[in-house]
N, C-alpha and C. Protein backbone atom coordinates (compact mmCIF):
# COMPACT_ATOMS: atom_id res chain seq x y z
N UNK A 1 -14.97 -16.73 9.94
CA UNK A 1 -14.66 -16.18 8.63
C UNK A 1 -14.36 -14.69 8.75
N UNK A 2 -13.33 -14.24 8.07
CA UNK A 2 -12.96 -12.83 8.10
C UNK A 2 -13.81 -12.05 7.11
N UNK A 3 -14.15 -10.81 7.49
CA UNK A 3 -14.83 -9.94 6.55
C UNK A 3 -13.93 -8.78 6.15
N UNK A 4 -12.63 -8.99 6.23
CA UNK A 4 -11.67 -7.94 5.91
C UNK A 4 -11.44 -7.85 4.41
N UNK A 5 -11.11 -6.63 3.97
CA UNK A 5 -10.76 -6.38 2.58
C UNK A 5 -9.40 -5.71 2.52
N UNK A 6 -8.56 -6.18 1.61
CA UNK A 6 -7.23 -5.60 1.41
C UNK A 6 -7.11 -5.10 -0.03
N UNK A 7 -6.43 -3.97 -0.20
CA UNK A 7 -6.21 -3.40 -1.52
C UNK A 7 -4.72 -3.15 -1.71
N UNK A 8 -4.18 -3.63 -2.84
CA UNK A 8 -2.80 -3.38 -3.20
C UNK A 8 -2.77 -2.34 -4.32
N UNK A 9 -2.07 -1.25 -4.10
CA UNK A 9 -1.83 -0.26 -5.15
C UNK A 9 -0.39 -0.43 -5.63
N UNK A 10 -0.22 -0.97 -6.83
CA UNK A 10 1.10 -1.28 -7.36
C UNK A 10 1.58 -0.11 -8.22
N UNK A 11 2.68 0.49 -7.81
CA UNK A 11 3.17 1.71 -8.46
C UNK A 11 4.31 1.45 -9.43
N UNK A 12 4.30 0.29 -10.08
CA UNK A 12 5.26 0.02 -11.15
C UNK A 12 5.07 1.04 -12.27
N UNK A 13 6.14 1.35 -12.96
CA UNK A 13 6.03 2.30 -14.07
C UNK A 13 5.45 1.66 -15.32
N UNK A 14 5.35 0.33 -15.31
CA UNK A 14 4.82 -0.40 -16.46
C UNK A 14 3.35 -0.74 -16.24
N UNK A 15 2.61 -0.81 -17.34
CA UNK A 15 1.22 -1.23 -17.26
C UNK A 15 1.16 -2.74 -17.05
N UNK A 16 -0.03 -3.26 -16.87
CA UNK A 16 -0.20 -4.68 -16.58
C UNK A 16 0.09 -5.57 -17.78
N UNK A 17 0.37 -4.97 -18.94
CA UNK A 17 0.78 -5.76 -20.10
C UNK A 17 2.18 -6.35 -19.91
N UNK A 18 2.96 -5.75 -19.01
CA UNK A 18 4.32 -6.21 -18.74
C UNK A 18 4.41 -6.77 -17.33
N UNK A 19 5.34 -7.69 -17.12
CA UNK A 19 5.49 -8.27 -15.79
C UNK A 19 6.02 -7.22 -14.82
N UNK A 20 5.59 -7.33 -13.57
CA UNK A 20 6.04 -6.43 -12.52
C UNK A 20 6.61 -7.25 -11.38
N UNK A 21 7.86 -7.01 -11.03
CA UNK A 21 8.47 -7.72 -9.92
C UNK A 21 7.79 -7.34 -8.60
N UNK A 22 7.38 -6.09 -8.50
CA UNK A 22 6.69 -5.64 -7.29
C UNK A 22 5.35 -6.33 -7.15
N UNK A 23 4.63 -6.49 -8.24
CA UNK A 23 3.35 -7.19 -8.18
C UNK A 23 3.56 -8.67 -7.84
N UNK A 24 4.62 -9.27 -8.36
CA UNK A 24 4.89 -10.68 -8.06
C UNK A 24 5.13 -10.88 -6.57
N UNK A 25 5.85 -9.95 -5.93
CA UNK A 25 6.05 -10.04 -4.49
C UNK A 25 4.75 -9.78 -3.74
N UNK A 26 3.95 -8.86 -4.24
CA UNK A 26 2.65 -8.59 -3.63
C UNK A 26 1.75 -9.83 -3.65
N UNK A 27 1.86 -10.62 -4.70
CA UNK A 27 1.03 -11.82 -4.81
C UNK A 27 1.36 -12.84 -3.72
N UNK A 28 2.59 -12.80 -3.19
CA UNK A 28 2.94 -13.69 -2.08
C UNK A 28 2.14 -13.32 -0.83
N UNK A 29 2.00 -12.03 -0.60
CA UNK A 29 1.17 -11.56 0.51
C UNK A 29 -0.30 -11.90 0.25
N UNK A 30 -0.72 -11.71 -0.98
CA UNK A 30 -2.12 -11.97 -1.35
C UNK A 30 -2.48 -13.43 -1.12
N UNK A 31 -1.54 -14.34 -1.31
CA UNK A 31 -1.80 -15.77 -1.07
C UNK A 31 -2.13 -16.03 0.40
N UNK A 32 -1.40 -15.36 1.29
CA UNK A 32 -1.69 -15.52 2.72
C UNK A 32 -3.04 -14.92 3.05
N UNK A 33 -3.34 -13.76 2.49
CA UNK A 33 -4.67 -13.17 2.70
C UNK A 33 -5.77 -14.14 2.28
N UNK A 34 -5.58 -14.77 1.14
CA UNK A 34 -6.60 -15.72 0.66
C UNK A 34 -6.76 -16.87 1.64
N UNK A 35 -5.64 -17.39 2.15
CA UNK A 35 -5.71 -18.50 3.11
C UNK A 35 -6.39 -18.09 4.41
N UNK A 36 -6.31 -16.79 4.72
CA UNK A 36 -6.93 -16.27 5.95
C UNK A 36 -8.31 -15.66 5.68
N UNK A 37 -8.85 -15.94 4.51
CA UNK A 37 -10.19 -15.47 4.13
C UNK A 37 -10.30 -13.95 4.09
N UNK A 38 -9.22 -13.29 3.73
CA UNK A 38 -9.24 -11.85 3.53
C UNK A 38 -9.39 -11.58 2.03
N UNK A 39 -10.43 -10.90 1.66
CA UNK A 39 -10.66 -10.54 0.26
C UNK A 39 -9.64 -9.49 -0.16
N UNK A 40 -9.04 -9.66 -1.34
CA UNK A 40 -8.02 -8.69 -1.76
C UNK A 40 -8.09 -8.44 -3.25
N UNK A 41 -7.54 -7.29 -3.64
CA UNK A 41 -7.49 -6.89 -5.05
C UNK A 41 -6.19 -6.16 -5.30
N UNK A 42 -5.60 -6.42 -6.46
CA UNK A 42 -4.40 -5.72 -6.88
C UNK A 42 -4.76 -4.76 -8.01
N UNK A 43 -4.36 -3.51 -7.86
CA UNK A 43 -4.57 -2.49 -8.90
C UNK A 43 -3.21 -2.02 -9.38
N UNK A 44 -2.96 -2.11 -10.69
CA UNK A 44 -1.74 -1.56 -11.28
C UNK A 44 -2.04 -0.11 -11.66
N UNK A 45 -1.47 0.82 -10.93
CA UNK A 45 -1.82 2.23 -11.10
C UNK A 45 -1.49 2.76 -12.49
N UNK A 46 -0.48 2.18 -13.14
CA UNK A 46 -0.09 2.65 -14.47
C UNK A 46 -1.16 2.37 -15.51
N UNK A 47 -2.13 1.52 -15.18
CA UNK A 47 -3.23 1.24 -16.10
C UNK A 47 -4.27 2.36 -16.12
N UNK A 48 -4.15 3.31 -15.19
CA UNK A 48 -5.17 4.34 -15.02
C UNK A 48 -4.61 5.72 -15.35
N UNK A 49 -5.50 6.59 -15.75
CA UNK A 49 -5.15 7.99 -15.95
C UNK A 49 -5.36 8.72 -14.63
N UNK A 50 -4.29 8.91 -13.88
CA UNK A 50 -4.37 9.56 -12.57
C UNK A 50 -3.77 10.95 -12.70
N UNK A 51 -4.60 11.96 -12.51
CA UNK A 51 -4.14 13.33 -12.69
C UNK A 51 -3.27 13.78 -11.52
N UNK A 52 -2.39 14.73 -11.79
CA UNK A 52 -1.62 15.35 -10.73
C UNK A 52 -2.52 16.29 -9.94
N UNK A 53 -2.23 16.42 -8.65
CA UNK A 53 -3.01 17.34 -7.81
C UNK A 53 -3.35 16.71 -6.48
N UNK A 54 -3.93 17.49 -5.59
CA UNK A 54 -4.30 16.97 -4.28
C UNK A 54 -5.79 17.16 -3.99
N UNK A 55 -6.58 17.35 -5.03
CA UNK A 55 -8.03 17.37 -4.87
C UNK A 55 -8.56 15.94 -5.00
N UNK A 56 -9.67 15.62 -4.34
CA UNK A 56 -10.23 14.28 -4.48
C UNK A 56 -10.57 13.91 -5.92
N UNK A 57 -10.98 14.89 -6.71
CA UNK A 57 -11.34 14.66 -8.12
C UNK A 57 -10.78 15.83 -8.92
N UNK A 58 -9.88 15.52 -9.85
CA UNK A 58 -9.24 16.57 -10.64
C UNK A 58 -9.98 16.86 -11.95
N UNK A 59 -11.18 16.32 -12.08
CA UNK A 59 -12.00 16.68 -13.22
C UNK A 59 -12.00 15.66 -14.34
N UNK A 60 -12.39 16.10 -15.51
CA UNK A 60 -12.59 15.22 -16.67
C UNK A 60 -11.35 14.39 -16.96
N UNK A 61 -11.56 13.08 -17.10
CA UNK A 61 -10.48 12.18 -17.44
C UNK A 61 -9.73 11.61 -16.26
N UNK A 62 -9.92 12.16 -15.07
CA UNK A 62 -9.21 11.69 -13.89
C UNK A 62 -9.85 10.40 -13.39
N UNK A 63 -9.09 9.32 -13.33
CA UNK A 63 -9.63 8.03 -12.92
C UNK A 63 -9.31 7.69 -11.46
N UNK A 64 -8.68 8.62 -10.75
CA UNK A 64 -8.39 8.36 -9.33
C UNK A 64 -9.66 8.14 -8.50
N UNK A 65 -10.75 8.90 -8.71
CA UNK A 65 -11.91 8.73 -7.84
C UNK A 65 -12.42 7.28 -7.75
N UNK A 66 -12.35 6.52 -8.83
CA UNK A 66 -12.81 5.12 -8.78
C UNK A 66 -11.86 4.28 -7.93
N UNK A 67 -10.57 4.61 -7.95
CA UNK A 67 -9.61 3.91 -7.10
C UNK A 67 -9.85 4.29 -5.64
N UNK A 68 -10.11 5.56 -5.39
CA UNK A 68 -10.33 6.03 -4.03
C UNK A 68 -11.54 5.36 -3.38
N UNK A 69 -12.57 5.07 -4.17
CA UNK A 69 -13.72 4.36 -3.62
C UNK A 69 -13.32 2.99 -3.08
N UNK A 70 -12.37 2.34 -3.75
CA UNK A 70 -11.89 1.04 -3.28
C UNK A 70 -11.01 1.19 -2.05
N UNK A 71 -10.26 2.30 -1.97
CA UNK A 71 -9.49 2.58 -0.76
C UNK A 71 -10.43 2.74 0.43
N UNK A 72 -11.50 3.47 0.24
CA UNK A 72 -12.45 3.69 1.33
C UNK A 72 -13.09 2.38 1.80
N UNK A 73 -13.28 1.44 0.89
CA UNK A 73 -13.92 0.17 1.24
C UNK A 73 -12.94 -0.81 1.87
N UNK A 74 -11.64 -0.53 1.77
CA UNK A 74 -10.63 -1.48 2.25
C UNK A 74 -10.32 -1.28 3.73
N UNK A 75 -9.96 -2.37 4.39
CA UNK A 75 -9.47 -2.32 5.76
C UNK A 75 -7.95 -2.27 5.79
N UNK A 76 -7.32 -2.77 4.74
CA UNK A 76 -5.87 -2.83 4.64
C UNK A 76 -5.46 -2.24 3.30
N UNK A 77 -4.49 -1.32 3.31
CA UNK A 77 -3.97 -0.76 2.08
C UNK A 77 -2.47 -1.03 2.02
N UNK A 78 -2.03 -1.69 0.95
CA UNK A 78 -0.62 -1.97 0.73
C UNK A 78 -0.18 -1.21 -0.52
N UNK A 79 0.86 -0.40 -0.38
CA UNK A 79 1.43 0.29 -1.54
C UNK A 79 2.71 -0.43 -1.94
N UNK A 80 2.77 -0.85 -3.19
CA UNK A 80 3.95 -1.55 -3.71
C UNK A 80 4.69 -0.66 -4.70
N UNK A 81 5.99 -0.55 -4.54
CA UNK A 81 6.76 0.31 -5.44
C UNK A 81 8.09 -0.32 -5.84
N UNK A 82 8.52 -0.10 -7.07
CA UNK A 82 9.90 -0.41 -7.44
C UNK A 82 10.80 0.72 -6.96
N UNK A 83 12.10 0.48 -6.98
CA UNK A 83 13.08 1.51 -6.66
C UNK A 83 13.69 2.07 -7.93
N UNK A 84 13.80 3.38 -7.99
CA UNK A 84 14.51 4.06 -9.07
C UNK A 84 15.37 5.13 -8.44
N UNK A 85 16.69 5.02 -8.63
CA UNK A 85 17.65 5.94 -8.02
C UNK A 85 17.50 5.95 -6.50
N UNK A 86 17.18 4.79 -5.95
CA UNK A 86 17.07 4.66 -4.51
C UNK A 86 15.80 5.23 -3.91
N UNK A 87 14.85 5.60 -4.75
CA UNK A 87 13.61 6.23 -4.29
C UNK A 87 12.40 5.42 -4.73
N UNK A 88 11.27 5.65 -4.06
CA UNK A 88 10.00 5.10 -4.53
C UNK A 88 9.69 5.70 -5.89
N UNK A 89 8.84 5.03 -6.65
CA UNK A 89 8.55 5.48 -8.01
C UNK A 89 7.73 6.77 -8.00
N UNK A 90 7.73 7.46 -9.12
CA UNK A 90 6.93 8.68 -9.26
C UNK A 90 5.45 8.38 -9.11
N UNK A 91 5.02 7.20 -9.53
CA UNK A 91 3.61 6.84 -9.40
C UNK A 91 3.25 6.61 -7.94
N UNK A 92 4.17 6.05 -7.15
CA UNK A 92 3.93 5.90 -5.71
C UNK A 92 3.77 7.26 -5.06
N UNK A 93 4.62 8.21 -5.45
CA UNK A 93 4.49 9.57 -4.93
C UNK A 93 3.14 10.16 -5.30
N UNK A 94 2.74 9.95 -6.55
CA UNK A 94 1.44 10.46 -7.02
C UNK A 94 0.30 9.87 -6.20
N UNK A 95 0.36 8.58 -5.92
CA UNK A 95 -0.69 7.94 -5.12
C UNK A 95 -0.76 8.52 -3.72
N UNK A 96 0.40 8.73 -3.09
CA UNK A 96 0.41 9.32 -1.75
C UNK A 96 -0.18 10.73 -1.78
N UNK A 97 0.16 11.50 -2.81
CA UNK A 97 -0.38 12.85 -2.94
C UNK A 97 -1.90 12.83 -3.08
N UNK A 98 -2.41 11.90 -3.87
CA UNK A 98 -3.86 11.85 -4.07
C UNK A 98 -4.57 11.36 -2.81
N UNK A 99 -3.96 10.41 -2.10
CA UNK A 99 -4.52 10.00 -0.80
C UNK A 99 -4.56 11.18 0.15
N UNK A 100 -3.47 11.94 0.18
CA UNK A 100 -3.40 13.12 1.04
C UNK A 100 -4.49 14.13 0.69
N UNK A 101 -4.80 14.22 -0.60
CA UNK A 101 -5.81 15.17 -1.04
C UNK A 101 -7.20 14.90 -0.51
N UNK A 102 -7.43 13.68 -0.03
CA UNK A 102 -8.75 13.33 0.52
C UNK A 102 -8.70 13.16 2.04
N UNK A 103 -7.58 13.52 2.66
CA UNK A 103 -7.43 13.26 4.09
C UNK A 103 -8.30 14.15 4.96
N UNK A 104 -8.88 15.20 4.38
CA UNK A 104 -9.79 16.04 5.16
C UNK A 104 -11.20 15.46 5.22
N UNK A 105 -11.48 14.45 4.41
CA UNK A 105 -12.77 13.77 4.52
C UNK A 105 -12.84 12.99 5.82
N UNK A 106 -14.04 12.76 6.31
CA UNK A 106 -14.18 12.12 7.61
C UNK A 106 -15.02 10.85 7.54
N UNK A 107 -14.81 9.99 8.55
CA UNK A 107 -15.65 8.80 8.68
C UNK A 107 -16.91 9.16 9.47
N UNK A 108 -17.71 8.16 9.82
CA UNK A 108 -18.98 8.45 10.47
C UNK A 108 -18.84 8.99 11.88
N UNK A 109 -17.61 8.95 12.44
CA UNK A 109 -17.36 9.50 13.76
C UNK A 109 -16.75 10.90 13.71
N UNK A 110 -16.44 11.36 12.50
CA UNK A 110 -15.82 12.66 12.37
C UNK A 110 -14.30 12.63 12.37
N UNK A 111 -13.72 11.43 12.36
CA UNK A 111 -12.27 11.28 12.27
C UNK A 111 -11.83 11.33 10.81
N UNK A 112 -10.53 11.45 10.59
CA UNK A 112 -10.01 11.38 9.23
C UNK A 112 -10.46 10.08 8.57
N UNK A 113 -10.73 10.14 7.28
CA UNK A 113 -11.34 9.02 6.55
C UNK A 113 -10.51 7.75 6.63
N UNK A 114 -9.19 7.87 6.89
CA UNK A 114 -8.32 6.69 6.91
C UNK A 114 -8.17 6.07 8.29
N UNK A 115 -8.83 6.66 9.29
CA UNK A 115 -8.76 6.07 10.63
C UNK A 115 -9.32 4.65 10.61
N UNK A 116 -8.70 3.78 11.41
CA UNK A 116 -9.08 2.38 11.55
C UNK A 116 -8.79 1.55 10.31
N UNK A 117 -7.98 2.10 9.42
CA UNK A 117 -7.43 1.33 8.30
C UNK A 117 -5.96 1.06 8.56
N UNK A 118 -5.45 -0.02 8.01
CA UNK A 118 -4.08 -0.46 8.27
C UNK A 118 -3.26 -0.31 6.99
N UNK A 119 -2.01 0.16 7.13
CA UNK A 119 -1.15 0.35 5.98
C UNK A 119 0.09 -0.51 6.00
N UNK A 120 0.62 -0.80 4.81
CA UNK A 120 1.86 -1.55 4.67
C UNK A 120 2.51 -1.20 3.34
N UNK A 121 3.74 -1.71 3.12
CA UNK A 121 4.49 -1.35 1.92
C UNK A 121 5.30 -2.55 1.43
N UNK A 122 5.41 -2.64 0.09
CA UNK A 122 6.21 -3.67 -0.57
C UNK A 122 7.14 -2.98 -1.56
N UNK A 123 8.43 -3.36 -1.55
CA UNK A 123 9.43 -2.69 -2.38
C UNK A 123 10.29 -3.74 -3.08
N UNK A 124 10.58 -3.51 -4.36
CA UNK A 124 11.55 -4.34 -5.08
C UNK A 124 12.49 -3.45 -5.87
N UNK A 125 13.70 -3.95 -6.12
CA UNK A 125 14.64 -3.18 -6.93
C UNK A 125 15.99 -3.84 -7.04
N UNK A 126 16.86 -3.24 -7.83
CA UNK A 126 18.23 -3.73 -8.03
C UNK A 126 19.25 -2.80 -7.40
N UNK A 127 18.83 -2.06 -6.41
CA UNK A 127 19.74 -1.12 -5.77
C UNK A 127 19.25 -0.85 -4.36
N UNK A 128 20.10 -0.21 -3.57
CA UNK A 128 19.73 0.11 -2.20
C UNK A 128 18.63 1.17 -2.19
N UNK A 129 17.92 1.24 -1.09
CA UNK A 129 16.87 2.25 -0.95
C UNK A 129 15.56 1.70 -0.44
N UNK A 130 15.48 0.39 -0.18
CA UNK A 130 14.21 -0.21 0.25
C UNK A 130 13.73 0.37 1.57
N UNK A 131 14.63 0.53 2.52
CA UNK A 131 14.21 1.05 3.83
C UNK A 131 13.85 2.54 3.73
N UNK A 132 14.58 3.26 2.90
CA UNK A 132 14.26 4.68 2.70
C UNK A 132 12.88 4.84 2.07
N UNK A 133 12.61 4.08 1.01
CA UNK A 133 11.31 4.17 0.36
C UNK A 133 10.19 3.72 1.30
N UNK A 134 10.44 2.66 2.06
CA UNK A 134 9.43 2.16 3.01
C UNK A 134 9.13 3.21 4.07
N UNK A 135 10.19 3.85 4.60
CA UNK A 135 9.99 4.86 5.63
C UNK A 135 9.16 6.02 5.10
N UNK A 136 9.43 6.43 3.87
CA UNK A 136 8.70 7.54 3.27
C UNK A 136 7.22 7.20 3.11
N UNK A 137 6.93 6.01 2.59
CA UNK A 137 5.53 5.62 2.35
C UNK A 137 4.80 5.39 3.67
N UNK A 138 5.43 4.68 4.60
CA UNK A 138 4.75 4.38 5.86
C UNK A 138 4.52 5.64 6.69
N UNK A 139 5.45 6.58 6.65
CA UNK A 139 5.21 7.85 7.35
C UNK A 139 4.03 8.57 6.71
N UNK A 140 4.01 8.61 5.38
CA UNK A 140 2.90 9.28 4.70
C UNK A 140 1.56 8.69 5.07
N UNK A 141 1.49 7.36 5.11
CA UNK A 141 0.23 6.71 5.48
C UNK A 141 -0.15 7.01 6.92
N UNK A 142 0.84 6.94 7.82
CA UNK A 142 0.56 7.21 9.22
C UNK A 142 0.09 8.65 9.43
N UNK A 143 0.73 9.59 8.72
CA UNK A 143 0.42 11.01 8.90
C UNK A 143 -1.02 11.33 8.53
N UNK A 144 -1.58 10.61 7.56
CA UNK A 144 -2.96 10.91 7.14
C UNK A 144 -3.99 10.02 7.82
N UNK A 145 -3.56 9.15 8.74
CA UNK A 145 -4.53 8.45 9.57
C UNK A 145 -4.46 6.94 9.59
N UNK A 146 -3.67 6.33 8.71
CA UNK A 146 -3.57 4.87 8.71
C UNK A 146 -2.81 4.40 9.95
N UNK A 147 -3.13 3.21 10.43
CA UNK A 147 -2.38 2.56 11.49
C UNK A 147 -1.30 1.70 10.84
N UNK A 148 -0.07 1.84 11.31
CA UNK A 148 1.06 1.08 10.77
C UNK A 148 1.55 0.09 11.82
N UNK A 149 1.26 -1.20 11.66
CA UNK A 149 1.74 -2.21 12.61
C UNK A 149 3.25 -2.41 12.47
N UNK A 150 3.86 -3.20 13.35
CA UNK A 150 5.28 -3.48 13.21
C UNK A 150 5.57 -4.42 12.04
N UNK A 151 6.76 -4.25 11.46
CA UNK A 151 7.27 -5.16 10.43
C UNK A 151 6.33 -5.33 9.25
N UNK A 152 5.85 -4.22 8.71
CA UNK A 152 4.99 -4.29 7.52
C UNK A 152 5.68 -3.68 6.31
N UNK A 153 7.01 -3.76 6.30
CA UNK A 153 7.78 -3.34 5.12
C UNK A 153 8.48 -4.57 4.55
N UNK A 154 7.88 -5.13 3.53
CA UNK A 154 8.43 -6.31 2.86
C UNK A 154 9.19 -5.86 1.62
N UNK A 155 10.41 -6.37 1.44
CA UNK A 155 11.17 -5.91 0.29
C UNK A 155 12.15 -6.97 -0.20
N UNK A 156 12.52 -6.81 -1.46
CA UNK A 156 13.59 -7.61 -2.08
C UNK A 156 14.46 -6.65 -2.88
N UNK A 157 15.76 -6.67 -2.61
CA UNK A 157 16.69 -5.81 -3.33
C UNK A 157 17.86 -6.67 -3.81
N UNK A 158 18.13 -6.64 -5.10
CA UNK A 158 19.21 -7.44 -5.66
C UNK A 158 20.56 -6.76 -5.52
N UNK A 159 21.55 -7.33 -6.16
CA UNK A 159 22.89 -6.76 -6.12
C UNK A 159 22.91 -5.40 -6.80
N UNK A 160 23.87 -4.58 -6.38
CA UNK A 160 24.00 -3.25 -6.97
C UNK A 160 24.29 -3.37 -8.46
N UNK A 161 23.71 -2.44 -9.22
CA UNK A 161 23.94 -2.42 -10.66
C UNK A 161 23.01 -3.36 -11.41
N UNK A 162 23.19 -3.46 -12.72
CA UNK A 162 22.33 -4.33 -13.53
C UNK A 162 22.43 -5.78 -13.08
N UNK A 163 21.32 -6.47 -13.17
CA UNK A 163 21.30 -7.87 -12.76
C UNK A 163 19.88 -8.38 -12.68
N UNK A 164 19.70 -9.63 -12.29
CA UNK A 164 18.36 -10.21 -12.21
C UNK A 164 17.50 -9.51 -11.16
N UNK A 165 16.24 -9.32 -11.48
CA UNK A 165 15.29 -8.74 -10.53
C UNK A 165 14.55 -9.86 -9.81
N UNK A 166 13.54 -9.50 -9.03
CA UNK A 166 12.91 -10.44 -8.10
C UNK A 166 12.44 -11.72 -8.77
N UNK A 167 11.69 -11.62 -9.85
CA UNK A 167 11.17 -12.81 -10.53
C UNK A 167 12.32 -13.63 -11.10
N UNK A 168 13.25 -12.97 -11.77
CA UNK A 168 14.36 -13.64 -12.43
C UNK A 168 15.31 -14.30 -11.44
N UNK A 169 15.38 -13.75 -10.22
CA UNK A 169 16.30 -14.28 -9.21
C UNK A 169 15.74 -15.48 -8.47
N UNK A 170 14.50 -15.86 -8.77
CA UNK A 170 13.93 -17.07 -8.21
C UNK A 170 12.97 -16.90 -7.07
N UNK A 171 12.77 -15.65 -6.59
CA UNK A 171 11.76 -15.36 -5.56
C UNK A 171 11.96 -16.22 -4.31
N UNK A 172 13.19 -16.48 -3.95
CA UNK A 172 13.44 -17.50 -2.93
C UNK A 172 14.31 -16.99 -1.78
N UNK A 173 14.28 -15.70 -1.52
CA UNK A 173 15.08 -15.13 -0.45
C UNK A 173 14.40 -15.35 0.90
N UNK A 174 15.11 -15.97 1.85
CA UNK A 174 14.50 -16.31 3.14
C UNK A 174 14.07 -15.09 3.92
N UNK A 175 14.88 -14.03 3.90
CA UNK A 175 14.53 -12.80 4.61
C UNK A 175 13.24 -12.22 4.05
N UNK A 176 13.15 -12.15 2.73
CA UNK A 176 11.95 -11.61 2.10
C UNK A 176 10.73 -12.46 2.41
N UNK A 177 10.88 -13.77 2.34
CA UNK A 177 9.74 -14.66 2.62
C UNK A 177 9.24 -14.48 4.06
N UNK A 178 10.16 -14.31 4.99
CA UNK A 178 9.75 -14.11 6.37
C UNK A 178 9.01 -12.80 6.54
N UNK A 179 9.49 -11.76 5.86
CA UNK A 179 8.83 -10.45 5.99
C UNK A 179 7.50 -10.42 5.25
N UNK A 180 7.34 -11.25 4.23
CA UNK A 180 6.01 -11.41 3.62
C UNK A 180 5.02 -11.92 4.68
N UNK A 181 5.45 -12.91 5.44
CA UNK A 181 4.58 -13.45 6.48
C UNK A 181 4.27 -12.41 7.54
N UNK A 182 5.28 -11.68 7.99
CA UNK A 182 5.05 -10.68 9.03
C UNK A 182 4.11 -9.59 8.54
N UNK A 183 4.32 -9.11 7.31
CA UNK A 183 3.43 -8.08 6.78
C UNK A 183 2.00 -8.60 6.72
N UNK A 184 1.80 -9.78 6.17
CA UNK A 184 0.46 -10.31 5.99
C UNK A 184 -0.24 -10.51 7.32
N UNK A 185 0.39 -11.24 8.23
CA UNK A 185 -0.28 -11.58 9.48
C UNK A 185 -0.42 -10.38 10.40
N UNK A 186 0.55 -9.47 10.40
CA UNK A 186 0.44 -8.30 11.28
C UNK A 186 -0.63 -7.32 10.79
N UNK A 187 -0.76 -7.17 9.47
CA UNK A 187 -1.83 -6.31 8.97
C UNK A 187 -3.20 -6.93 9.22
N UNK A 188 -3.31 -8.24 9.06
CA UNK A 188 -4.59 -8.92 9.37
C UNK A 188 -4.94 -8.76 10.83
N UNK A 189 -3.97 -9.04 11.71
CA UNK A 189 -4.22 -8.96 13.15
C UNK A 189 -4.67 -7.56 13.56
N UNK A 190 -3.96 -6.55 13.09
CA UNK A 190 -4.30 -5.18 13.47
C UNK A 190 -5.65 -4.77 12.89
N UNK A 191 -5.94 -5.16 11.65
CA UNK A 191 -7.22 -4.81 11.05
C UNK A 191 -8.38 -5.45 11.80
N UNK A 192 -8.19 -6.69 12.25
CA UNK A 192 -9.24 -7.34 13.04
C UNK A 192 -9.44 -6.64 14.37
N UNK A 193 -8.35 -6.23 15.00
CA UNK A 193 -8.45 -5.50 16.26
C UNK A 193 -9.24 -4.21 16.08
N UNK A 194 -8.95 -3.48 15.00
CA UNK A 194 -9.62 -2.20 14.78
C UNK A 194 -11.08 -2.39 14.39
N UNK A 195 -11.41 -3.51 13.76
CA UNK A 195 -12.82 -3.82 13.48
C UNK A 195 -13.59 -3.97 14.78
N UNK A 196 -12.99 -4.67 15.73
CA UNK A 196 -13.67 -4.96 16.99
C UNK A 196 -13.57 -3.79 17.97
N UNK A 197 -12.45 -3.06 17.93
CA UNK A 197 -12.23 -1.95 18.85
C UNK A 197 -11.65 -0.76 18.10
N UNK A 198 -12.49 -0.01 17.39
CA UNK A 198 -11.99 1.12 16.62
C UNK A 198 -11.39 2.20 17.52
N UNK A 199 -10.54 3.02 16.95
CA UNK A 199 -9.93 4.12 17.69
C UNK A 199 -11.03 5.07 18.15
N UNK A 200 -11.09 5.41 19.44
CA UNK A 200 -12.13 6.32 19.93
C UNK A 200 -12.04 7.68 19.25
N UNK A 201 -13.19 8.33 19.12
CA UNK A 201 -13.23 9.63 18.45
C UNK A 201 -12.67 10.74 19.34
N UNK A 202 -12.70 10.57 20.63
CA UNK A 202 -12.28 11.62 21.53
C UNK A 202 -10.86 12.09 21.25
N UNK A 203 -10.70 13.39 21.04
CA UNK A 203 -9.39 13.97 20.86
C UNK A 203 -8.89 14.02 19.43
N UNK A 204 -9.56 13.38 18.49
CA UNK A 204 -9.05 13.39 17.11
C UNK A 204 -10.12 13.66 16.07
N UNK A 205 -11.18 14.39 16.46
CA UNK A 205 -12.16 14.81 15.47
C UNK A 205 -11.59 15.97 14.67
N UNK A 206 -11.72 15.94 13.37
CA UNK A 206 -11.11 16.96 12.54
C UNK A 206 -11.71 18.33 12.75
N UNK A 207 -12.96 18.39 13.18
CA UNK A 207 -13.63 19.69 13.33
C UNK A 207 -13.40 20.31 14.70
N UNK A 208 -12.70 19.63 15.59
CA UNK A 208 -12.47 20.17 16.92
C UNK A 208 -11.52 21.38 16.84
């Protein structure tokens, strides 16, 4: 039985009262996690009052600290974003900034708090930009300490211009389905490896 935990941060601009194509694609990954006994949770960031800034806690009314506690408890973090003008959403940027704001915190070995955690990304949209948004998010996660396995950028992009989005298009793209599998199994495999053989502290203690 796996004791891994995965957390999805969905950066749709809509609250959970409205359907999210990005969340629908994330649920495909979540199904594989469930079959592999990986506990997972999806958080729609638009449901929370997340303050701007790079401090761990921006004060009264800031709900990021409760989300960050779940990030710390997770072995796998997946950031899901829609595309707007070929870019990740403003909420995805905000999440990366807030994660960065806590990157000086350390684990019990003195490494960055995100060491031995695995990152991935999910993107949906009706325009080009999936690889650009994925590269931006995955670099950000890697830079602050997450491990990024191969092929952990799952995306669906429809035809240019107005048209059906992921849910409306039938959720049946073979390329996307294959990359859902690669993201899920590669993040699980790497997270299990890091559980059993964490990155040594030598050479990467923040206080050195």
